[in-house]
Amino acid sequence: MKYALIFTFLTPPALAQEVDFADPALIDAGKEVFTDFCMACHGEEALGGNGPDIQGAILSDVTQAIRGTDQMEPVELVDGEPEAVAAYLMALAPKVAEIKMRLLADRQQGSK
């Protein structure tokens, strides 16, 4: 539940709908999307392979990565899929996700 509250606080108004990243259905959906689009490079448990370890990645990490990086081509995910992938990755390493959310909030507070 704390992820949903923080997500609502950190997102721009267009995305400010409440997302419960701890929702088992969302996590299961994220695992399916991860399997289809991410597992080949990031490994079965998202611990890395051809791509880096992404356990604990939060929504901002996912949305940035799917736009494409130096090592990764852009990936087109449809509405709700980035949130689902983030929920799955956050569930794999909740402490890492919690730290990332706190750091992101601190950074955004500092930029105001």
PDB file of N, CA and C in Angstrom:
ATOM      1  N   MET A   1       0.813  -1.189   0.000  1.00  0.00           N
ATOM      2  CA  MET A   1       0.000   0.000   0.000  1.00  0.00           C
ATOM      3  C   MET A   1       0.863   1.262   0.000  1.00  0.00           C
ATOM      4  N   LYS A   2       2.023   1.240   0.665  1.00  0.00           N
ATOM      5  CA  LYS A   2       2.859   2.437   0.686  1.00  0.00           C
ATOM      6  C   LYS A   2       3.339   2.800  -0.703  1.00  0.00           C
ATOM      7  N   TYR A   3       3.515   1.812  -1.597  1.00  0.00           N
ATOM      8  CA  TYR A   3       3.940   2.115  -2.955  1.00  0.00           C
ATOM      9  C   TYR A   3       2.867   2.892  -3.691  1.00  0.00           C
ATOM     10  N   ALA A   4       1.603   2.539  -3.476  1.00  0.00           N
ATOM     11  CA  ALA A   4       0.511   3.244  -4.145  1.00  0.00           C
ATOM     12  C   ALA A   4       0.478   4.695  -3.706  1.00  0.00           C
ATOM     13  N   LEU A   5       0.626   4.947  -2.442  1.00  0.00           N
ATOM     14  CA  LEU A   5       0.591   6.301  -1.918  1.00  0.00           C
ATOM     15  C   LEU A   5       1.763   7.117  -2.454  1.00  0.00           C
ATOM     16  N   ILE A   6       2.949   6.572  -2.443  1.00  0.00           N
ATOM     17  CA  ILE A   6       4.121   7.286  -2.941  1.00  0.00           C
ATOM     18  C   ILE A   6       3.993   7.534  -4.433  1.00  0.00           C
ATOM     19  N   PHE A   7       3.509   6.552  -5.183  1.00  0.00           N
ATOM     20  CA  PHE A   7       3.355   6.710  -6.624  1.00  0.00           C
ATOM     21  C   PHE A   7       2.415   7.870  -6.923  1.00  0.00           C
ATOM     22  N   THR A   8       1.320   7.967  -6.186  1.00  0.00           N
ATOM     23  CA  THR A   8       0.368   9.045  -6.397  1.00  0.00           C
ATOM     24  C   THR A   8       1.035  10.392  -6.132  1.00  0.00           C
ATOM     25  N   PHE A   9       1.870  10.467  -5.129  1.00  0.00           N
ATOM     26  CA  PHE A   9       2.550  11.703  -4.767  1.00  0.00           C
ATOM     27  C   PHE A   9       3.590  12.105  -5.806  1.00  0.00           C
ATOM     28  N   LEU A  10       4.260  11.143  -6.411  1.00  0.00           N
ATOM     29  CA  LEU A  10       5.392  11.433  -7.281  1.00  0.00           C
ATOM     30  C   LEU A  10       5.049  11.622  -8.751  1.00  0.00           C
ATOM     31  N   THR A  11       3.856  11.303  -9.158  1.00  0.00           N
ATOM     32  CA  THR A  11       3.556  11.314 -10.580  1.00  0.00           C
ATOM     33  C   THR A  11       2.893  12.611 -11.007  1.00  0.00           C
ATOM     34  N   PRO A  12       3.062  12.980 -12.268  1.00  0.00           N
ATOM     35  CA  PRO A  12       2.369  14.157 -12.770  1.00  0.00           C
ATOM     36  C   PRO A  12       0.859  13.899 -12.800  1.00  0.00           C
ATOM     37  N   PRO A  13       0.048  14.955 -12.845  1.00  0.00           N
ATOM     38  CA  PRO A  13      -1.404  14.791 -12.783  1.00  0.00           C
ATOM     39  C   PRO A  13      -1.969  13.796 -13.784  1.00  0.00           C
ATOM     40  N   ALA A  14      -1.409  13.726 -14.989  1.00  0.00           N
ATOM     41  CA  ALA A  14      -1.945  12.807 -15.998  1.00  0.00           C
ATOM     42  C   ALA A  14      -1.799  11.353 -15.581  1.00  0.00           C
ATOM     43  N   LEU A  15      -0.796  11.064 -14.745  1.00  0.00           N
ATOM     44  CA  LEU A  15      -0.563   9.686 -14.315  1.00  0.00           C
ATOM     45  C   LEU A  15      -0.931   9.459 -12.851  1.00  0.00           C
ATOM     46  N   ALA A  16      -1.570  10.432 -12.230  1.00  0.00           N
ATOM     47  CA  ALA A  16      -1.752  10.396 -10.781  1.00  0.00           C
ATOM     48  C   ALA A  16      -2.856   9.456 -10.304  1.00  0.00           C
ATOM     49  N   GLN A  17      -3.231   8.499 -11.109  1.00  0.00           N
ATOM     50  CA  GLN A  17      -4.183   7.505 -10.626  1.00  0.00           C
ATOM     51  C   GLN A  17      -3.459   6.601  -9.637  1.00  0.00           C
ATOM     52  N   GLU A  18      -4.186   6.111  -8.667  1.00  0.00           N
ATOM     53  CA  GLU A  18      -3.562   5.276  -7.654  1.00  0.00           C
ATOM     54  C   GLU A  18      -3.287   3.884  -8.216  1.00  0.00           C
ATOM     55  N   VAL A  19      -2.060   3.444  -8.094  1.00  0.00           N
ATOM     56  CA  VAL A  19      -1.654   2.114  -8.517  1.00  0.00           C
ATOM     57  C   VAL A  19      -1.178   1.376  -7.284  1.00  0.00           C
ATOM     58  N   ASP A  20      -1.754   0.218  -7.028  1.00  0.00           N
ATOM     59  CA  ASP A  20      -1.330  -0.610  -5.896  1.00  0.00           C
ATOM     60  C   ASP A  20      -0.290  -1.594  -6.401  1.00  0.00           C
ATOM     61  N   PHE A  21       0.984  -1.238  -6.248  1.00  0.00           N
ATOM     62  CA  PHE A  21       2.066  -2.080  -6.744  1.00  0.00           C
ATOM     63  C   PHE A  21       2.194  -3.392  -5.984  1.00  0.00           C
ATOM     64  N   ALA A  22       1.498  -3.529  -4.855  1.00  0.00           N
ATOM     65  CA  ALA A  22       1.519  -4.771  -4.083  1.00  0.00           C
ATOM     66  C   ALA A  22       0.358  -5.691  -4.468  1.00  0.00           C
ATOM     67  N   ASP A  23      -0.476  -5.293  -5.416  1.00  0.00           N
ATOM     68  CA  ASP A  23      -1.624  -6.091  -5.851  1.00  0.00           C
ATOM     69  C   ASP A  23      -1.135  -7.369  -6.539  1.00  0.00           C
ATOM     70  N   PRO A  24      -1.475  -8.536  -5.980  1.00  0.00           N
ATOM     71  CA  PRO A  24      -1.003  -9.801  -6.570  1.00  0.00           C
ATOM     72  C   PRO A  24      -1.387  -9.963  -8.049  1.00  0.00           C
ATOM     73  N   ALA A  25      -2.551  -9.471  -8.446  1.00  0.00           N
ATOM     74  CA  ALA A  25      -2.965  -9.588  -9.852  1.00  0.00           C
ATOM     75  C   ALA A  25      -2.067  -8.737 -10.745  1.00  0.00           C
ATOM     76  N   LEU A  26      -1.705  -7.538 -10.271  1.00  0.00           N
ATOM     77  CA  LEU A  26      -0.820  -6.668 -11.042  1.00  0.00           C
ATOM     78  C   LEU A  26       0.576  -7.285 -11.132  1.00  0.00           C
ATOM     79  N   ILE A  27       1.047  -7.850 -10.032  1.00  0.00           N
ATOM     80  CA  ILE A  27       2.359  -8.509 -10.017  1.00  0.00           C
ATOM     81  C   ILE A  27       2.369  -9.694 -10.983  1.00  0.00           C
ATOM     82  N   ASP A  28       1.311 -10.498 -10.975  1.00  0.00           N
ATOM     83  CA  ASP A  28       1.220 -11.641 -11.903  1.00  0.00           C
ATOM     84  C   ASP A  28       1.206 -11.169 -13.356  1.00  0.00           C
ATOM     85  N   ALA A  29       0.457 -10.103 -13.623  1.00  0.00           N
ATOM     86  CA  ALA A  29       0.425  -9.558 -14.980  1.00  0.00           C
ATOM     87  C   ALA A  29       1.809  -9.058 -15.372  1.00  0.00           C
ATOM     88  N   GLY A  30       2.496  -8.427 -14.424  1.00  0.00           N
ATOM     89  CA  GLY A  30       3.842  -7.933 -14.686  1.00  0.00           C
ATOM     90  C   GLY A  30       4.823  -9.049 -14.978  1.00  0.00           C
ATOM     91  N   LYS A  31       4.659 -10.166 -14.287  1.00  0.00           N
ATOM     92  CA  LYS A  31       5.541 -11.317 -14.550  1.00  0.00           C
ATOM     93  C   LYS A  31       5.349 -11.815 -15.980  1.00  0.00           C
ATOM     94  N   GLU A  32       4.100 -11.835 -16.445  1.00  0.00           N
ATOM     95  CA  GLU A  32       3.832 -12.268 -17.828  1.00  0.00           C
ATOM     96  C   GLU A  32       4.465 -11.315 -18.837  1.00  0.00           C
ATOM     97  N   VAL A  33       4.303 -10.012 -18.617  1.00  0.00           N
ATOM     98  CA  VAL A  33       4.896  -9.025 -19.532  1.00  0.00           C
ATOM     99  C   VAL A  33       6.415  -9.131 -19.480  1.00  0.00           C
ATOM    100  N   PHE A  34       6.971  -9.259 -18.269  1.00  0.00           N
ATOM    101  CA  PHE A  34       8.411  -9.425 -18.109  1.00  0.00           C
ATOM    102  C   PHE A  34       8.893 -10.646 -18.892  1.00  0.00           C
ATOM    103  N   THR A  35       8.184 -11.748 -18.764  1.00  0.00           N
ATOM    104  CA  THR A  35       8.562 -12.980 -19.463  1.00  0.00           C
ATOM    105  C   THR A  35       8.575 -12.758 -20.973  1.00  0.00           C
ATOM    106  N   ASP A  36       7.571 -12.049 -21.475  1.00  0.00           N
ATOM    107  CA  ASP A  36       7.457 -11.826 -22.921  1.00  0.00           C
ATOM    108  C   ASP A  36       8.490 -10.845 -23.465  1.00  0.00           C
ATOM    109  N   PHE A  37       8.789  -9.791 -22.720  1.00  0.00           N
ATOM    110  CA  PHE A  37       9.599  -8.705 -23.258  1.00  0.00           C
ATOM    111  C   PHE A  37      10.984  -8.544 -22.640  1.00  0.00           C
ATOM    112  N   CYS A  38      11.199  -9.031 -21.435  1.00  0.00           N
ATOM    113  CA  CYS A  38      12.408  -8.670 -20.694  1.00  0.00           C
ATOM    114  C   CYS A  38      13.309  -9.850 -20.327  1.00  0.00           C
ATOM    115  N   MET A  39      12.709 -11.000 -20.110  1.00  0.00           N
ATOM    116  CA  MET A  39      13.433 -12.143 -19.569  1.00  0.00           C
ATOM    117  C   MET A  39      14.607 -12.588 -20.440  1.00  0.00           C
ATOM    118  N   ALA A  40      14.477 -12.487 -21.735  1.00  0.00           N
ATOM    119  CA  ALA A  40      15.544 -12.959 -22.619  1.00  0.00           C
ATOM    120  C   ALA A  40      16.883 -12.275 -22.309  1.00  0.00           C
ATOM    121  N   CYS A  41      16.843 -11.013 -21.935  1.00  0.00           N
ATOM    122  CA  CYS A  41      18.086 -10.286 -21.642  1.00  0.00           C
ATOM    123  C   CYS A  41      18.369 -10.157 -20.144  1.00  0.00           C
ATOM    124  N   HIS A  42      17.320 -10.042 -19.341  1.00  0.00           N
ATOM    125  CA  HIS A  42      17.520  -9.772 -17.917  1.00  0.00           C
ATOM    126  C   HIS A  42      17.455 -11.026 -17.052  1.00  0.00           C
ATOM    127  N   GLY A  43      17.249 -12.171 -17.658  1.00  0.00           N
ATOM    128  CA  GLY A  43      17.239 -13.427 -16.924  1.00  0.00           C
ATOM    129  C   GLY A  43      15.894 -13.747 -16.296  1.00  0.00           C
ATOM    130  N   GLU A  44      15.716 -15.006 -15.955  1.00  0.00           N
ATOM    131  CA  GLU A  44      14.439 -15.507 -15.429  1.00  0.00           C
ATOM    132  C   GLU A  44      14.005 -14.798 -14.149  1.00  0.00           C
ATOM    133  N   GLU A  45      14.953 -14.447 -13.295  1.00  0.00           N
ATOM    134  CA  GLU A  45      14.631 -13.775 -12.030  1.00  0.00           C
ATOM    135  C   GLU A  45      15.016 -12.294 -12.052  1.00  0.00           C
ATOM    136  N   ALA A  46      15.275 -11.743 -13.231  1.00  0.00           N
ATOM    137  CA  ALA A  46      15.647 -10.331 -13.414  1.00  0.00           C
ATOM    138  C   ALA A  46      16.987  -9.996 -12.763  1.00  0.00           C
ATOM    139  N   LEU A  47      17.831 -11.006 -12.572  1.00  0.00           N
ATOM    140  CA  LEU A  47      19.135 -10.795 -11.951  1.00  0.00           C
ATOM    141  C   LEU A  47      20.236 -10.505 -12.961  1.00  0.00           C
ATOM    142  N   GLY A  48      19.887 -10.432 -14.214  1.00  0.00           N
ATOM    143  CA  GLY A  48      20.863 -10.107 -15.248  1.00  0.00           C
ATOM    144  C   GLY A  48      21.144 -11.292 -16.139  1.00  0.00           C
ATOM    145  N   GLY A  49      21.818 -11.026 -17.176  1.00  0.00           N
ATOM    146  CA  GLY A  49      22.175 -11.984 -18.217  1.00  0.00           C
ATOM    147  C   GLY A  49      22.895 -11.151 -19.260  1.00  0.00           C
ATOM    148  N   ASN A  50      22.271 -10.999 -20.436  1.00  0.00           N
ATOM    149  CA  ASN A  50      22.796 -10.060 -21.431  1.00  0.00           C
ATOM    150  C   ASN A  50      22.556  -8.625 -20.980  1.00  0.00           C
ATOM    151  N   GLY A  51      21.533  -8.429 -20.168  1.00  0.00           N
ATOM    152  CA  GLY A  51      21.213  -7.113 -19.608  1.00  0.00           C
ATOM    153  C   GLY A  51      21.501  -7.113 -18.117  1.00  0.00           C
ATOM    154  N   PRO A  52      21.369  -5.950 -17.475  1.00  0.00           N
ATOM    155  CA  PRO A  52      21.700  -5.841 -16.058  1.00  0.00           C
ATOM    156  C   PRO A  52      20.637  -6.425 -15.131  1.00  0.00           C
ATOM    157  N   ASP A  53      20.999  -6.572 -13.877  1.00  0.00           N
ATOM    158  CA  ASP A  53      20.085  -6.933 -12.793  1.00  0.00           C
ATOM    159  C   ASP A  53      19.090  -5.785 -12.650  1.00  0.00           C
ATOM    160  N   ILE A  54      17.799  -6.088 -12.724  1.00  0.00           N
ATOM    161  CA  ILE A  54      16.794  -5.032 -12.594  1.00  0.00           C
ATOM    162  C   ILE A  54      15.800  -5.326 -11.472  1.00  0.00           C
ATOM    163  N   GLN A  55      16.124  -6.266 -10.595  1.00  0.00           N
ATOM    164  CA  GLN A  55      15.250  -6.506  -9.444  1.00  0.00           C
ATOM    165  C   GLN A  55      15.121  -5.220  -8.643  1.00  0.00           C
ATOM    166  N   GLY A  56      13.905  -4.906  -8.221  1.00  0.00           N
ATOM    167  CA  GLY A  56      13.671  -3.709  -7.428  1.00  0.00           C
ATOM    168  C   GLY A  56      13.471  -2.451  -8.255  1.00  0.00           C
ATOM    169  N   ALA A  57      13.502  -2.577  -9.586  1.00  0.00           N
ATOM    170  CA  ALA A  57      13.276  -1.404 -10.429  1.00  0.00           C
ATOM    171  C   ALA A  57      11.879  -0.845 -10.157  1.00  0.00           C
ATOM    172  N   ILE A  58      11.784   0.481 -10.123  1.00  0.00           N
ATOM    173  CA  ILE A  58      10.505   1.145  -9.882  1.00  0.00           C
ATOM    174  C   ILE A  58       9.968   1.682 -11.205  1.00  0.00           C
ATOM    175  N   LEU A  59       8.769   2.225 -11.169  1.00  0.00           N
ATOM    176  CA  LEU A  59       8.118   2.658 -12.406  1.00  0.00           C
ATOM    177  C   LEU A  59       8.974   3.625 -13.212  1.00  0.00           C
ATOM    178  N   SER A  60       9.625   4.576 -12.563  1.00  0.00           N
ATOM    179  CA  SER A  60      10.452   5.524 -13.321  1.00  0.00           C
ATOM    180  C   SER A  60      11.607   4.810 -14.036  1.00  0.00           C
ATOM    181  N   ASP A  61      12.153   3.766 -13.421  1.00  0.00           N
ATOM    182  CA  ASP A  61      13.202   2.967 -14.070  1.00  0.00           C
ATOM    183  C   ASP A  61      12.659   2.277 -15.318  1.00  0.00           C
ATOM    184  N   VAL A  62      11.478   1.686 -15.171  1.00  0.00           N
ATOM    185  CA  VAL A  62      10.866   0.943 -16.278  1.00  0.00           C
ATOM    186  C   VAL A  62      10.518   1.886 -17.421  1.00  0.00           C
ATOM    187  N   THR A  63       9.875   3.010 -17.116  1.00  0.00           N
ATOM    188  CA  THR A  63       9.467   3.923 -18.185  1.00  0.00           C
ATOM    189  C   THR A  63      10.678   4.516 -18.901  1.00  0.00           C
ATOM    190  N   GLN A  64      11.739   4.761 -18.167  1.00  0.00           N
ATOM    191  CA  GLN A  64      12.960   5.269 -18.800  1.00  0.00           C
ATOM    192  C   GLN A  64      13.585   4.194 -19.692  1.00  0.00           C
ATOM    193  N   ALA A  65      13.660   2.978 -19.204  1.00  0.00           N
ATOM    194  CA  ALA A  65      14.302   1.892 -19.963  1.00  0.00           C
ATOM    195  C   ALA A  65      13.547   1.559 -21.238  1.00  0.00           C
ATOM    196  N   ILE A  66      12.217   1.535 -21.187  1.00  0.00           N
ATOM    197  CA  ILE A  66      11.472   1.122 -22.384  1.00  0.00           C
ATOM    198  C   ILE A  66      11.544   2.159 -23.500  1.00  0.00           C
ATOM    199  N   ARG A  67      11.992   3.377 -23.173  1.00  0.00           N
ATOM    200  CA  ARG A  67      12.234   4.384 -24.221  1.00  0.00           C
ATOM    201  C   ARG A  67      13.486   4.050 -25.019  1.00  0.00           C
ATOM    202  N   GLY A  68      14.320   3.161 -24.449  1.00  0.00           N
ATOM    203  CA  GLY A  68      15.559   2.763 -25.093  1.00  0.00           C
ATOM    204  C   GLY A  68      16.763   3.331 -24.365  1.00  0.00           C
ATOM    205  N   THR A  69      17.846   2.582 -24.377  1.00  0.00           N
ATOM    206  CA  THR A  69      19.091   3.002 -23.735  1.00  0.00           C
ATOM    207  C   THR A  69      20.241   2.698 -24.687  1.00  0.00           C
ATOM    208  N   ASP A  70      21.453   2.950 -24.225  1.00  0.00           N
ATOM    209  CA  ASP A  70      22.629   2.621 -25.037  1.00  0.00           C
ATOM    210  C   ASP A  70      22.679   1.128 -25.346  1.00  0.00           C
ATOM    211  N   GLN A  71      22.237   0.309 -24.387  1.00  0.00           N
ATOM    212  CA  GLN A  71      22.323  -1.142 -24.542  1.00  0.00           C
ATOM    213  C   GLN A  71      21.008  -1.792 -24.974  1.00  0.00           C
ATOM    214  N   MET A  72      19.907  -1.017 -24.984  1.00  0.00           N
ATOM    215  CA  MET A  72      18.601  -1.634 -25.191  1.00  0.00           C
ATOM    216  C   MET A  72      17.763  -0.826 -26.184  1.00  0.00           C
ATOM    217  N   GLU A  73      17.178  -1.544 -27.113  1.00  0.00           N
ATOM    218  CA  GLU A  73      16.251  -0.916 -28.052  1.00  0.00           C
ATOM    219  C   GLU A  73      14.961  -0.543 -27.319  1.00  0.00           C
ATOM    220  N   PRO A  74      14.223   0.457 -27.803  1.00  0.00           N
ATOM    221  CA  PRO A  74      12.936   0.778 -27.177  1.00  0.00           C
ATOM    222  C   PRO A  74      11.987  -0.419 -27.217  1.00  0.00           C
ATOM    223  N   VAL A  75      11.146  -0.500 -26.213  1.00  0.00           N
ATOM    224  CA  VAL A  75      10.148  -1.566 -26.116  1.00  0.00           C
ATOM    225  C   VAL A  75       8.793  -0.897 -26.005  1.00  0.00           C
ATOM    226  N   GLU A  76       7.856  -1.306 -26.853  1.00  0.00           N
ATOM    227  CA  GLU A  76       6.530  -0.708 -26.815  1.00  0.00           C
ATOM    228  C   GLU A  76       5.613  -1.533 -25.921  1.00  0.00           C
ATOM    229  N   LEU A  77       5.292  -0.965 -24.766  1.00  0.00           N
ATOM    230  CA  LEU A  77       4.340  -1.589 -23.852  1.00  0.00           C
ATOM    231  C   LEU A  77       3.061  -0.771 -23.886  1.00  0.00           C
ATOM    232  N   VAL A  78       1.923  -1.437 -23.781  1.00  0.00           N
ATOM    233  CA  VAL A  78       0.633  -0.755 -23.816  1.00  0.00           C
ATOM    234  C   VAL A  78       0.224  -0.308 -22.420  1.00  0.00           C
ATOM    235  N   ASP A  79      -0.852   0.446 -22.348  1.00  0.00           N
ATOM    236  CA  ASP A  79      -1.347   1.001 -21.088  1.00  0.00           C
ATOM    237  C   ASP A  79      -1.393  -0.042 -19.982  1.00  0.00           C
ATOM    238  N   GLY A  80      -0.807   0.302 -18.865  1.00  0.00           N
ATOM    239  CA  GLY A  80      -0.811  -0.571 -17.698  1.00  0.00           C
ATOM    240  C   GLY A  80       0.331  -1.561 -17.637  1.00  0.00           C
ATOM    241  N   GLU A  81       0.958  -1.865 -18.764  1.00  0.00           N
ATOM    242  CA  GLU A  81       2.054  -2.833 -18.756  1.00  0.00           C
ATOM    243  C   GLU A  81       3.307  -2.313 -18.049  1.00  0.00           C
ATOM    244  N   PRO A  82       3.705  -1.045 -18.226  1.00  0.00           N
ATOM    245  CA  PRO A  82       4.872  -0.576 -17.459  1.00  0.00           C
ATOM    246  C   PRO A  82       4.635  -0.669 -15.951  1.00  0.00           C
ATOM    247  N   GLU A  83       3.439  -0.317 -15.502  1.00  0.00           N
ATOM    248  CA  GLU A  83       3.112  -0.407 -14.082  1.00  0.00           C
ATOM    249  C   GLU A  83       3.158  -1.850 -13.602  1.00  0.00           C
ATOM    250  N   ALA A  84       2.672  -2.762 -14.429  1.00  0.00           N
ATOM    251  CA  ALA A  84       2.673  -4.180 -14.064  1.00  0.00           C
ATOM    252  C   ALA A  84       4.101  -4.715 -13.960  1.00  0.00           C
ATOM    253  N   VAL A  85       4.944  -4.363 -14.914  1.00  0.00           N
ATOM    254  CA  VAL A  85       6.343  -4.805 -14.867  1.00  0.00           C
ATOM    255  C   VAL A  85       7.023  -4.233 -13.629  1.00  0.00           C
ATOM    256  N   ALA A  86       6.775  -2.956 -13.345  1.00  0.00           N
ATOM    257  CA  ALA A  86       7.359  -2.345 -12.151  1.00  0.00           C
ATOM    258  C   ALA A  86       6.883  -3.070 -10.894  1.00  0.00           C
ATOM    259  N   ALA A  87       5.598  -3.399 -10.825  1.00  0.00           N
ATOM    260  CA  ALA A  87       5.067  -4.113  -9.653  1.00  0.00           C
ATOM    261  C   ALA A  87       5.781  -5.445  -9.478  1.00  0.00           C
ATOM    262  N   TYR A  88       6.000  -6.166 -10.569  1.00  0.00           N
ATOM    263  CA  TYR A  88       6.693  -7.456 -10.504  1.00  0.00           C
ATOM    264  C   TYR A  88       8.137  -7.274 -10.036  1.00  0.00           C
ATOM    265  N   LEU A  89       8.848  -6.318 -10.622  1.00  0.00           N
ATOM    266  CA  LEU A  89      10.252  -6.098 -10.253  1.00  0.00           C
ATOM    267  C   LEU A  89      10.377  -5.599  -8.823  1.00  0.00           C
ATOM    268  N   MET A  90       9.437  -4.774  -8.381  1.00  0.00           N
ATOM    269  CA  MET A  90       9.435  -4.294  -7.006  1.00  0.00           C
ATOM    270  C   MET A  90       9.185  -5.450  -6.039  1.00  0.00           C
ATOM    271  N   ALA A  91       8.328  -6.388  -6.437  1.00  0.00           N
ATOM    272  CA  ALA A  91       8.026  -7.543  -5.586  1.00  0.00           C
ATOM    273  C   ALA A  91       9.238  -8.469  -5.450  1.00  0.00           C
ATOM    274  N   LEU A  92      10.086  -8.500  -6.468  1.00  0.00           N
ATOM    275  CA  LEU A  92      11.285  -9.347  -6.406  1.00  0.00           C
ATOM    276  C   LEU A  92      12.305  -8.830  -5.406  1.00  0.00           C
ATOM    277  N   ALA A  93      12.357  -7.527  -5.206  1.00  0.00           N
ATOM    278  CA  ALA A  93      13.325  -6.920  -4.278  1.00  0.00           C
ATOM    279  C   ALA A  93      12.673  -5.704  -3.618  1.00  0.00           C
ATOM    280  N   PRO A  94      11.743  -5.933  -2.693  1.00  0.00           N
ATOM    281  CA  PRO A  94      10.993  -4.816  -2.108  1.00  0.00           C
ATOM    282  C   PRO A  94      11.859  -3.808  -1.351  1.00  0.00           C
ATOM    283  N   LYS A  95      12.916  -4.248  -0.697  1.00  0.00           N
ATOM    284  CA  LYS A  95      13.786  -3.304   0.027  1.00  0.00           C
ATOM    285  C   LYS A  95      14.507  -2.377  -0.953  1.00  0.00           C
ATOM    286  N   VAL A  96      14.966  -2.932  -2.052  1.00  0.00           N
ATOM    287  CA  VAL A  96      15.617  -2.113  -3.083  1.00  0.00           C
ATOM    288  C   VAL A  96      14.617  -1.098  -3.633  1.00  0.00           C
ATOM    289  N   ALA A  97      13.409  -1.549  -3.926  1.00  0.00           N
ATOM    290  CA  ALA A  97      12.368  -0.658  -4.448  1.00  0.00           C
ATOM    291  C   ALA A  97      12.050   0.448  -3.449  1.00  0.00           C
ATOM    292  N   GLU A  98      11.968   0.093  -2.185  1.00  0.00           N
ATOM    293  CA  GLU A  98      11.662   1.089  -1.153  1.00  0.00           C
ATOM    294  C   GLU A  98      12.749   2.167  -1.094  1.00  0.00           C
ATOM    295  N   ILE A  99      13.998   1.754  -1.169  1.00  0.00           N
ATOM    296  CA  ILE A  99      15.112   2.711  -1.154  1.00  0.00           C
ATOM    297  C   ILE A  99      15.041   3.609  -2.392  1.00  0.00           C
ATOM    298  N   LYS A 100      14.790   3.020  -3.558  1.00  0.00           N
ATOM    299  CA  LYS A 100      14.703   3.805  -4.788  1.00  0.00           C
ATOM    300  C   LYS A 100      13.564   4.818  -4.721  1.00  0.00           C
ATOM    301  N   MET A 101      12.420   4.399  -4.174  1.00  0.00           N
ATOM    302  CA  MET A 101      11.285   5.317  -4.047  1.00  0.00           C
ATOM    303  C   MET A 101      11.640   6.473  -3.113  1.00  0.00           C
ATOM    304  N   ARG A 102      12.299   6.172  -2.013  1.00  0.00           N
ATOM    305  CA  ARG A 102      12.689   7.211  -1.062  1.00  0.00           C
ATOM    306  C   ARG A 102      13.688   8.182  -1.704  1.00  0.00           C
ATOM    307  N   LEU A 103      14.679   7.657  -2.412  1.00  0.00           N
ATOM    308  CA  LEU A 103      15.663   8.506  -3.073  1.00  0.00           C
ATOM    309  C   LEU A 103      15.019   9.388  -4.138  1.00  0.00           C
ATOM    310  N   LEU A 104      14.085   8.824  -4.904  1.00  0.00           N
ATOM    311  CA  LEU A 104      13.375   9.597  -5.921  1.00  0.00           C
ATOM    312  C   LEU A 104      12.571  10.712  -5.271  1.00  0.00           C
ATOM    313  N   ALA A 105      11.883  10.416  -4.182  1.00  0.00           N
ATOM    314  CA  ALA A 105      11.095  11.432  -3.474  1.00  0.00           C
ATOM    315  C   ALA A 105      12.004  12.529  -2.937  1.00  0.00           C
ATOM    316  N   ASP A 106      13.138  12.150  -2.359  1.00  0.00           N
ATOM    317  CA  ASP A 106      14.088  13.130  -1.838  1.00  0.00           C
ATOM    318  C   ASP A 106      14.617  14.029  -2.963  1.00  0.00           C
ATOM    319  N   ARG A 107      14.939  13.418  -4.093  1.00  0.00           N
ATOM    320  CA  ARG A 107      15.454  14.166  -5.241  1.00  0.00           C
ATOM    321  C   ARG A 107      14.406  15.153  -5.758  1.00  0.00           C
ATOM    322  N   GLN A 108      13.157  14.696  -5.822  1.00  0.00           N
ATOM    323  CA  GLN A 108      12.088  15.576  -6.316  1.00  0.00           C
ATOM    324  C   GLN A 108      11.798  16.702  -5.326  1.00  0.00           C
ATOM    325  N   GLN A 109      11.896  16.419  -4.038  1.00  0.00           N
ATOM    326  CA  GLN A 109      11.707  17.464  -3.033  1.00  0.00           C
ATOM    327  C   GLN A 109      12.832  18.494  -3.133  1.00  0.00           C
ATOM    328  N   GLY A 110      14.032  18.037  -3.401  1.00  0.00           N
ATOM    329  CA  GLY A 110      15.183  18.934  -3.508  1.00  0.00           C
ATOM    330  C   GLY A 110      15.137  19.828  -4.732  1.00  0.00           C
ATOM    331  N   SER A 111      14.423  19.405  -5.760  1.00  0.00           N
ATOM    332  CA  SER A 111      14.356  20.194  -6.996  1.00  0.00           C
ATOM    333  C   SER A 111      13.244  21.248  -6.952  1.00  0.00           C
ATOM    334  N   LYS A 112      12.487  21.283  -5.875  1.00  0.00           N
ATOM    335  CA  LYS A 112      11.393  22.259  -5.773  1.00  0.00           C
ATOM    336  C   LYS A 112      11.861  23.538  -5.172  1.00  0.00           C
TER     337      LYS A 112
END
